[in-house]
Amino acid sequence: FKYLSPTKIEITRPKGLDNGAIYEFIYMAK
């Protein structure tokens, strides 16, 4: 993943992964 802004991220999907996969993101917030 990478940050596009403090409130938006871009996730790179592993090849062949199911469309319904569950992505979890944990970060320090303010």
Full PDB file with SEQRES, HELIX, SHEET, SSBOND, CRYST1, ORIGX, SCALE, CONECT and MASTER records, all heavy atoms in Angstrom:
SEQRES   1 A   30  PHE LYS TYR LEU SER PRO THR LYS ILE GLU ILE THR ARG          
SEQRES   2 A   30  PRO LYS GLY LEU ASP ASN GLY ALA ILE TYR GLU PHE ILE          
SEQRES   3 A   30  TYR MET ALA LYS                                              
SHEET    1 AA1 2 LYS A   2  SER A   5  0                                        
SHEET    2 AA1 2 LYS A   8  GLU A  10 -1                                        
CRYST1    1.000    1.000    1.000  90.00  90.00  90.00 P 1           1          
ORIGX1      1.000000  0.000000  0.000000        0.00000                         
ORIGX2      0.000000  1.000000  0.000000        0.00000                         
ORIGX3      0.000000  0.000000  1.000000        0.00000                         
SCALE1      1.000000  0.000000  0.000000        0.00000                         
SCALE2      0.000000  1.000000  0.000000        0.00000                         
SCALE3      0.000000  0.000000  1.000000        0.00000                         
ATOM      1  N   PHE A   1       0.847  -1.182   0.000  1.00  0.00           N  
ATOM      2  CA  PHE A   1       0.000   0.000   0.000  1.00  0.00           C  
ATOM      3  C   PHE A   1       0.884   1.233   0.000  1.00  0.00           C  
ATOM      4  O   PHE A   1       2.070   1.188   0.345  1.00  0.00           O  
ATOM      5  CB  PHE A   1      -0.934   0.010   1.210  1.00  0.00           C  
ATOM      6  CG  PHE A   1      -0.247   0.360   2.503  1.00  0.00           C  
ATOM      7  CD1 PHE A   1      -0.197   1.679   2.949  1.00  0.00           C  
ATOM      8  CD2 PHE A   1       0.370  -0.612   3.269  1.00  0.00           C  
ATOM      9  CE1 PHE A   1       0.453   2.007   4.133  1.00  0.00           C  
ATOM     10  CE2 PHE A   1       1.019  -0.297   4.453  1.00  0.00           C  
ATOM     11  CZ  PHE A   1       1.057   1.020   4.888  1.00  0.00           C  
ATOM     12  N   LYS A   2       0.285   2.348  -0.369  1.00  0.00           N  
ATOM     13  CA  LYS A   2       0.943   3.641  -0.240  1.00  0.00           C  
ATOM     14  C   LYS A   2      -0.109   4.695   0.062  1.00  0.00           C  
ATOM     15  O   LYS A   2      -1.293   4.520  -0.249  1.00  0.00           O  
ATOM     16  CB  LYS A   2       1.709   4.007  -1.511  1.00  0.00           C  
ATOM     17  CG  LYS A   2       0.833   4.228  -2.742  1.00  0.00           C  
ATOM     18  CD  LYS A   2       1.689   4.615  -3.949  1.00  0.00           C  
ATOM     19  CE  LYS A   2       0.835   4.856  -5.192  1.00  0.00           C  
ATOM     20  NZ  LYS A   2       1.653   5.210  -6.373  1.00  0.00           N  
ATOM     21  N   TYR A   3       0.311   5.759   0.702  1.00  0.00           N  
ATOM     22  CA  TYR A   3      -0.588   6.873   0.979  1.00  0.00           C  
ATOM     23  C   TYR A   3      -0.698   7.769  -0.257  1.00  0.00           C  
ATOM     24  O   TYR A   3       0.310   8.134  -0.867  1.00  0.00           O  
ATOM     25  CB  TYR A   3      -0.071   7.716   2.144  1.00  0.00           C  
ATOM     26  CG  TYR A   3      -0.316   7.112   3.506  1.00  0.00           C  
ATOM     27  CD1 TYR A   3       0.701   6.421   4.175  1.00  0.00           C  
ATOM     28  CD2 TYR A   3      -1.541   7.253   4.137  1.00  0.00           C  
ATOM     29  CE1 TYR A   3       0.490   5.877   5.435  1.00  0.00           C  
ATOM     30  CE2 TYR A   3      -1.767   6.713   5.402  1.00  0.00           C  
ATOM     31  CZ  TYR A   3      -0.742   6.029   6.042  1.00  0.00           C  
ATOM     32  OH  TYR A   3      -0.951   5.495   7.288  1.00  0.00           O  
ATOM     33  N   LEU A   4      -1.904   8.128  -0.615  1.00  0.00           N  
ATOM     34  CA  LEU A   4      -2.136   9.162  -1.621  1.00  0.00           C  
ATOM     35  C   LEU A   4      -2.346  10.514  -0.964  1.00  0.00           C  
ATOM     36  O   LEU A   4      -2.127  11.559  -1.577  1.00  0.00           O  
ATOM     37  CB  LEU A   4      -3.349   8.801  -2.478  1.00  0.00           C  
ATOM     38  CG  LEU A   4      -3.263   7.472  -3.241  1.00  0.00           C  
ATOM     39  CD1 LEU A   4      -4.543   7.228  -4.034  1.00  0.00           C  
ATOM     40  CD2 LEU A   4      -2.050   7.439  -4.160  1.00  0.00           C  
ATOM     41  N   SER A   5      -2.803  10.476   0.278  1.00  0.00           N  
ATOM     42  CA  SER A   5      -2.978  11.660   1.122  1.00  0.00           C  
ATOM     43  C   SER A   5      -3.134  11.140   2.547  1.00  0.00           C  
ATOM     44  O   SER A   5      -3.221   9.924   2.763  1.00  0.00           O  
ATOM     45  CB  SER A   5      -4.215  12.456   0.696  1.00  0.00           C  
ATOM     46  OG  SER A   5      -5.400  11.805   1.124  1.00  0.00           O  
ATOM     47  N   PRO A   6      -3.197  12.011   3.540  1.00  0.00           N  
ATOM     48  CA  PRO A   6      -3.408  11.511   4.914  1.00  0.00           C  
ATOM     49  C   PRO A   6      -4.724  10.761   5.101  1.00  0.00           C  
ATOM     50  O   PRO A   6      -4.886  10.051   6.088  1.00  0.00           O  
ATOM     51  CB  PRO A   6      -3.369  12.787   5.754  1.00  0.00           C  
ATOM     52  CG  PRO A   6      -2.535  13.736   4.970  1.00  0.00           C  
ATOM     53  CD  PRO A   6      -2.879  13.463   3.542  1.00  0.00           C  
ATOM     54  N   THR A   7      -5.677  10.915   4.164  1.00  0.00           N  
ATOM     55  CA  THR A   7      -6.972  10.251   4.306  1.00  0.00           C  
ATOM     56  C   THR A   7      -7.288   9.303   3.158  1.00  0.00           C  
ATOM     57  O   THR A   7      -8.429   8.866   3.026  1.00  0.00           O  
ATOM     58  CB  THR A   7      -8.107  11.291   4.419  1.00  0.00           C  
ATOM     59  OG1 THR A   7      -8.069  12.149   3.266  1.00  0.00           O  
ATOM     60  CG2 THR A   7      -7.973  12.114   5.691  1.00  0.00           C  
ATOM     61  N   LYS A   8      -6.296   8.969   2.330  1.00  0.00           N  
ATOM     62  CA  LYS A   8      -6.546   8.051   1.218  1.00  0.00           C  
ATOM     63  C   LYS A   8      -5.332   7.172   0.980  1.00  0.00           C  
ATOM     64  O   LYS A   8      -4.197   7.657   0.998  1.00  0.00           O  
ATOM     65  CB  LYS A   8      -6.905   8.820  -0.054  1.00  0.00           C  
ATOM     66  CG  LYS A   8      -7.209   7.923  -1.251  1.00  0.00           C  
ATOM     67  CD  LYS A   8      -7.657   8.720  -2.476  1.00  0.00           C  
ATOM     68  CE  LYS A   8      -9.077   9.221  -2.306  1.00  0.00           C  
ATOM     69  NZ  LYS A   8      -9.610   9.797  -3.582  1.00  0.00           N  
ATOM     70  N   ILE A   9      -5.577   5.879   0.742  1.00  0.00           N  
ATOM     71  CA  ILE A   9      -4.499   4.948   0.452  1.00  0.00           C  
ATOM     72  C   ILE A   9      -4.777   4.220  -0.861  1.00  0.00           C  
ATOM     73  O   ILE A   9      -5.920   4.150  -1.315  1.00  0.00           O  
ATOM     74  CB  ILE A   9      -4.304   3.905   1.574  1.00  0.00           C  
ATOM     75  CG1 ILE A   9      -5.587   3.079   1.777  1.00  0.00           C  
ATOM     76  CG2 ILE A   9      -3.856   4.564   2.865  1.00  0.00           C  
ATOM     77  CD1 ILE A   9      -5.427   1.897   2.726  1.00  0.00           C  
ATOM     78  N   GLU A  10      -3.730   3.696  -1.438  1.00  0.00           N  
ATOM     79  CA  GLU A  10      -3.840   2.846  -2.620  1.00  0.00           C  
ATOM     80  C   GLU A  10      -3.242   1.490  -2.277  1.00  0.00           C  
ATOM     81  O   GLU A  10      -2.102   1.407  -1.816  1.00  0.00           O  
ATOM     82  CB  GLU A  10      -3.095   3.456  -3.805  1.00  0.00           C  
ATOM     83  CG  GLU A  10      -3.188   2.613  -5.069  1.00  0.00           C  
ATOM     84  CD  GLU A  10      -2.406   3.218  -6.212  1.00  0.00           C  
ATOM     85  OE1 GLU A  10      -2.997   4.029  -6.955  1.00  0.00           O  
ATOM     86  OE2 GLU A  10      -1.199   2.898  -6.340  1.00  0.00           O  
ATOM     87  N   ILE A  11      -4.033   0.427  -2.475  1.00  0.00           N  
ATOM     88  CA  ILE A  11      -3.605  -0.931  -2.154  1.00  0.00           C  
ATOM     89  C   ILE A  11      -3.293  -1.664  -3.455  1.00  0.00           C  
ATOM     90  O   ILE A  11      -4.067  -1.597  -4.412  1.00  0.00           O  
ATOM     91  CB  ILE A  11      -4.709  -1.681  -1.385  1.00  0.00           C  
ATOM     92  CG1 ILE A  11      -4.975  -1.013  -0.036  1.00  0.00           C  
ATOM     93  CG2 ILE A  11      -4.345  -3.149  -1.187  1.00  0.00           C  
ATOM     94  CD1 ILE A  11      -6.178  -1.570   0.703  1.00  0.00           C  
ATOM     95  N   THR A  12      -2.140  -2.331  -3.479  1.00  0.00           N  
ATOM     96  CA  THR A  12      -1.805  -3.193  -4.606  1.00  0.00           C  
ATOM     97  C   THR A  12      -2.266  -4.604  -4.283  1.00  0.00           C  
ATOM     98  O   THR A  12      -1.858  -5.183  -3.269  1.00  0.00           O  
ATOM     99  CB  THR A  12      -0.297  -3.176  -4.892  1.00  0.00           C  
ATOM    100  OG1 THR A  12       0.092  -1.832  -5.217  1.00  0.00           O  
ATOM    101  CG2 THR A  12       0.046  -4.100  -6.056  1.00  0.00           C  
ATOM    102  N   ARG A  13      -3.117  -5.142  -5.136  1.00  0.00           N  
ATOM    103  CA  ARG A  13      -3.713  -6.454  -4.901  1.00  0.00           C  
ATOM    104  C   ARG A  13      -2.726  -7.569  -5.306  1.00  0.00           C  
ATOM    105  O   ARG A  13      -2.120  -7.514  -6.383  1.00  0.00           O  
ATOM    106  CB  ARG A  13      -4.988  -6.584  -5.740  1.00  0.00           C  
ATOM    107  CG  ARG A  13      -5.744  -7.896  -5.527  1.00  0.00           C  
ATOM    108  CD  ARG A  13      -6.543  -8.305  -6.768  1.00  0.00           C  
ATOM    109  NE  ARG A  13      -7.516  -7.328  -7.194  1.00  0.00           N  
ATOM    110  CZ  ARG A  13      -8.784  -7.298  -6.786  1.00  0.00           C  
ATOM    111  NH1 ARG A  13      -9.222  -8.192  -5.931  1.00  0.00           N  
ATOM    112  NH2 ARG A  13      -9.611  -6.391  -7.233  1.00  0.00           N  
ATOM    113  N   PRO A  14      -2.576  -8.592  -4.467  1.00  0.00           N  
ATOM    114  CA  PRO A  14      -1.788  -9.766  -4.869  1.00  0.00           C  
ATOM    115  C   PRO A  14      -2.395 -10.408  -6.118  1.00  0.00           C  
ATOM    116  O   PRO A  14      -3.624 -10.480  -6.246  1.00  0.00           O  
ATOM    117  CB  PRO A  14      -1.883 -10.691  -3.660  1.00  0.00           C  
ATOM    118  CG  PRO A  14      -2.173  -9.787  -2.510  1.00  0.00           C  
ATOM    119  CD  PRO A  14      -3.029  -8.690  -3.078  1.00  0.00           C  
ATOM    120  N   LYS A  15      -1.588 -10.866  -7.009  1.00  0.00           N  
ATOM    121  CA  LYS A  15      -2.070 -11.445  -8.266  1.00  0.00           C  
ATOM    122  C   LYS A  15      -2.967 -12.646  -7.997  1.00  0.00           C  
ATOM    123  O   LYS A  15      -2.656 -13.493  -7.177  1.00  0.00           O  
ATOM    124  CB  LYS A  15      -0.888 -11.854  -9.149  1.00  0.00           C  
ATOM    125  CG  LYS A  15      -0.115 -10.684  -9.731  1.00  0.00           C  
ATOM    126  CD  LYS A  15       0.907 -11.158 -10.738  1.00  0.00           C  
ATOM    127  CE  LYS A  15       1.697  -9.982 -11.302  1.00  0.00           C  
ATOM    128  NZ  LYS A  15       0.836  -9.029 -12.007  1.00  0.00           N  
ATOM    129  N   GLY A  16      -4.109 -12.672  -8.714  1.00  0.00           N  
ATOM    130  CA  GLY A  16      -5.024 -13.803  -8.626  1.00  0.00           C  
ATOM    131  C   GLY A  16      -5.910 -13.817  -7.408  1.00  0.00           C  
ATOM    132  O   GLY A  16      -6.681 -14.769  -7.221  1.00  0.00           O  
ATOM    133  N   LEU A  17      -5.838 -12.785  -6.565  1.00  0.00           N  
ATOM    134  CA  LEU A  17      -6.633 -12.788  -5.334  1.00  0.00           C  
ATOM    135  C   LEU A  17      -8.109 -12.538  -5.641  1.00  0.00           C  
ATOM    136  O   LEU A  17      -8.461 -11.739  -6.505  1.00  0.00           O  
ATOM    137  CB  LEU A  17      -6.118 -11.723  -4.370  1.00  0.00           C  
ATOM    138  CG  LEU A  17      -6.654 -11.803  -2.933  1.00  0.00           C  
ATOM    139  CD1 LEU A  17      -6.247 -13.111  -2.272  1.00  0.00           C  
ATOM    140  CD2 LEU A  17      -6.135 -10.626  -2.110  1.00  0.00           C  
ATOM    141  N   ASP A  18      -8.973 -13.225  -4.914  1.00  0.00           N  
ATOM    142  CA  ASP A  18     -10.420 -13.141  -5.072  1.00  0.00           C  
ATOM    143  C   ASP A  18     -10.908 -11.694  -4.927  1.00  0.00           C  
ATOM    144  O   ASP A  18     -10.397 -10.922  -4.103  1.00  0.00           O  
ATOM    145  CB  ASP A  18     -11.071 -14.028  -4.011  1.00  0.00           C  
ATOM    146  CG  ASP A  18     -12.542 -14.246  -4.240  1.00  0.00           C  
ATOM    147  OD1 ASP A  18     -13.328 -13.331  -3.902  1.00  0.00           O  
ATOM    148  OD2 ASP A  18     -12.914 -15.313  -4.735  1.00  0.00           O  
ATOM    149  N   ASN A  19     -11.923 -11.326  -5.717  1.00  0.00           N  
ATOM    150  CA  ASN A  19     -12.476  -9.966  -5.667  1.00  0.00           C  
ATOM    151  C   ASN A  19     -13.109  -9.634  -4.328  1.00  0.00           C  
ATOM    152  O   ASN A  19     -13.233  -8.471  -3.960  1.00  0.00           O  
ATOM    153  CB  ASN A  19     -13.525  -9.786  -6.761  1.00  0.00           C  
ATOM    154  CG  ASN A  19     -12.949  -9.902  -8.154  1.00  0.00           C  
ATOM    155  OD1 ASN A  19     -11.785  -9.595  -8.379  1.00  0.00           O  
ATOM    156  ND2 ASN A  19     -13.761 -10.365  -9.095  1.00  0.00           N  
ATOM    157  N   GLY A  20     -13.562 -10.669  -3.596  1.00  0.00           N  
ATOM    158  CA  GLY A  20     -14.245 -10.444  -2.326  1.00  0.00           C  
ATOM    159  C   GLY A  20     -13.339 -10.509  -1.115  1.00  0.00           C  
ATOM    160  O   GLY A  20     -13.829 -10.591   0.016  1.00  0.00           O  
ATOM    161  N   ALA A  21     -12.028 -10.437  -1.329  1.00  0.00           N  
ATOM    162  CA  ALA A  21     -11.083 -10.518  -0.208  1.00  0.00           C  
ATOM    163  C   ALA A  21     -11.272  -9.357   0.763  1.00  0.00           C  
ATOM    164  O   ALA A  21     -11.724  -8.273   0.399  1.00  0.00           O  
ATOM    165  CB  ALA A  21      -9.658 -10.546  -0.738  1.00  0.00           C  
ATOM    166  N   ILE A  22     -10.895  -9.605   2.017  1.00  0.00           N  
ATOM    167  CA  ILE A  22     -11.041  -8.629   3.100  1.00  0.00           C  
ATOM    168  C   ILE A  22      -9.677  -8.000   3.381  1.00  0.00           C  
ATOM    169  O   ILE A  22      -8.735  -8.691   3.776  1.00  0.00           O  
ATOM    170  CB  ILE A  22     -11.572  -9.304   4.372  1.00  0.00           C  
ATOM    171  CG1 ILE A  22     -12.908 -10.003   4.090  1.00  0.00           C  
ATOM    172  CG2 ILE A  22     -11.704  -8.293   5.503  1.00  0.00           C  
ATOM    173  CD1 ILE A  22     -13.312 -10.995   5.167  1.00  0.00           C  
ATOM    174  N   TYR A  23      -9.570  -6.702   3.178  1.00  0.00           N  
ATOM    175  CA  TYR A  23      -8.328  -5.972   3.441  1.00  0.00           C  
ATOM    176  C   TYR A  23      -8.472  -5.211   4.756  1.00  0.00           C  
ATOM    177  O   TYR A  23      -9.449  -4.486   4.963  1.00  0.00           O  
ATOM    178  CB  TYR A  23      -8.030  -4.989   2.315  1.00  0.00           C  
ATOM    179  CG  TYR A  23      -7.771  -5.643   0.979  1.00  0.00           C  
ATOM    180  CD1 TYR A  23      -8.834  -6.023   0.156  1.00  0.00           C  
ATOM    181  CD2 TYR A  23      -6.472  -5.884   0.538  1.00  0.00           C  
ATOM    182  CE1 TYR A  23      -8.606  -6.630  -1.078  1.00  0.00           C  
ATOM    183  CE2 TYR A  23      -6.236  -6.489  -0.696  1.00  0.00           C  
ATOM    184  CZ  TYR A  23      -7.314  -6.862  -1.489  1.00  0.00           C  
ATOM    185  OH  TYR A  23      -7.084  -7.466  -2.703  1.00  0.00           O  
ATOM    186  N   GLU A  24      -7.493  -5.356   5.615  1.00  0.00           N  
ATOM    187  CA  GLU A  24      -7.489  -4.634   6.897  1.00  0.00           C  
ATOM    188  C   GLU A  24      -6.307  -3.676   6.918  1.00  0.00           C  
ATOM    189  O   GLU A  24      -5.202  -4.027   6.497  1.00  0.00           O  
ATOM    190  CB  GLU A  24      -7.387  -5.620   8.059  1.00  0.00           C  
ATOM    191  CG  GLU A  24      -7.485  -4.961   9.427  1.00  0.00           C  
ATOM    192  CD  GLU A  24      -7.468  -5.997  10.540  1.00  0.00           C  
ATOM    193  OE1 GLU A  24      -6.367  -6.522  10.834  1.00  0.00           O  
ATOM    194  OE2 GLU A  24      -8.531  -6.301  11.099  1.00  0.00           O  
ATOM    195  N   PHE A  25      -6.554  -2.464   7.404  1.00  0.00           N  
ATOM    196  CA  PHE A  25      -5.515  -1.435   7.461  1.00  0.00           C  
ATOM    197  C   PHE A  25      -5.536  -0.806   8.848  1.00  0.00           C  
ATOM    198  O   PHE A  25      -6.573  -0.299   9.294  1.00  0.00           O  
ATOM    199  CB  PHE A  25      -5.764  -0.372   6.380  1.00  0.00           C  
ATOM    200  CG  PHE A  25      -4.669   0.647   6.261  1.00  0.00           C  
ATOM    201  CD1 PHE A  25      -3.441   0.310   5.713  1.00  0.00           C  
ATOM    202  CD2 PHE A  25      -4.868   1.949   6.690  1.00  0.00           C  
ATOM    203  CE1 PHE A  25      -2.429   1.244   5.593  1.00  0.00           C  
ATOM    204  CE2 PHE A  25      -3.862   2.899   6.580  1.00  0.00           C  
ATOM    205  CZ  PHE A  25      -2.638   2.553   6.030  1.00  0.00           C  
ATOM    206  N   ILE A  26      -4.401  -0.850   9.534  1.00  0.00           N  
ATOM    207  CA  ILE A  26      -4.286  -0.314  10.893  1.00  0.00           C  
ATOM    208  C   ILE A  26      -3.208   0.760  10.889  1.00  0.00           C  
ATOM    209  O   ILE A  26      -2.083   0.520  10.428  1.00  0.00           O  
ATOM    210  CB  ILE A  26      -3.946  -1.425  11.905  1.00  0.00           C  
ATOM    211  CG1 ILE A  26      -5.050  -2.500  11.899  1.00  0.00           C  
ATOM    212  CG2 ILE A  26      -3.775  -0.852  13.304  1.00  0.00           C  
ATOM    213  CD1 ILE A  26      -4.719  -3.717  12.734  1.00  0.00           C  
ATOM    214  N   TYR A  27      -3.547   1.932  11.402  1.00  0.00           N  
ATOM    215  CA  TYR A  27      -2.627   3.068  11.335  1.00  0.00           C  
ATOM    216  C   TYR A  27      -2.842   3.999  12.531  1.00  0.00           C  
ATOM    217  O   TYR A  27      -3.861   3.926  13.215  1.00  0.00           O  
ATOM    218  CB  TYR A  27      -2.839   3.834  10.030  1.00  0.00           C  
ATOM    219  CG  TYR A  27      -4.186   4.529   9.927  1.00  0.00           C  
ATOM    220  CD1 TYR A  27      -4.289   5.913  10.045  1.00  0.00           C  
ATOM    221  CD2 TYR A  27      -5.375   3.811   9.736  1.00  0.00           C  
ATOM    222  CE1 TYR A  27      -5.516   6.558   9.959  1.00  0.00           C  
ATOM    223  CE2 TYR A  27      -6.601   4.448   9.642  1.00  0.00           C  
ATOM    224  CZ  TYR A  27      -6.672   5.816   9.756  1.00  0.00           C  
ATOM    225  OH  TYR A  27      -7.888   6.452   9.684  1.00  0.00           O  
ATOM    226  N   MET A  28      -1.869   4.883  12.773  1.00  0.00           N  
ATOM    227  CA  MET A  28      -2.015   5.900  13.799  1.00  0.00           C  
ATOM    228  C   MET A  28      -2.805   7.070  13.229  1.00  0.00           C  
ATOM    229  O   MET A  28      -2.447   7.625  12.186  1.00  0.00           O  
ATOM    230  CB  MET A  28      -0.653   6.386  14.287  1.00  0.00           C  
ATOM    231  CG  MET A  28       0.074   5.372  15.160  1.00  0.00           C  
ATOM    232  SD  MET A  28      -0.785   5.054  16.732  1.00  0.00           S  
ATOM    233  CE  MET A  28      -0.642   6.660  17.519  1.00  0.00           C  
ATOM    234  N   ALA A  29      -3.884   7.434  13.919  1.00  0.00           N  
ATOM    235  CA  ALA A  29      -4.797   8.454  13.417  1.00  0.00           C  
ATOM    236  C   ALA A  29      -4.869   9.648  14.358  1.00  0.00           C  
ATOM    237  O   ALA A  29      -4.472   9.580  15.530  1.00  0.00           O  
ATOM    238  CB  ALA A  29      -6.185   7.846  13.231  1.00  0.00           C  
ATOM    239  N   LYS A  30      -5.408  10.749  13.814  1.00  0.00           N  
ATOM    240  CA  LYS A  30      -5.615  11.963  14.601  1.00  0.00           C  
ATOM    241  C   LYS A  30      -6.988  12.551  14.255  1.00  0.00           C  
ATOM    242  O   LYS A  30      -7.718  12.007  13.429  1.00  0.00           O  
ATOM    243  CB  LYS A  30      -4.514  12.980  14.313  1.00  0.00           C  
ATOM    244  CG  LYS A  30      -4.474  13.461  12.866  1.00  0.00           C  
ATOM    245  CD  LYS A  30      -3.334  14.454  12.640  1.00  0.00           C  
ATOM    246  CE  LYS A  30      -3.302  14.921  11.183  1.00  0.00           C  
ATOM    247  NZ  LYS A  30      -2.206  15.886  10.934  1.00  0.00           N  
TER     248      LYS A  30                                                      
MASTER        0    0    0    0    2    0    0    6  247    1    0    3          
END                                                                             
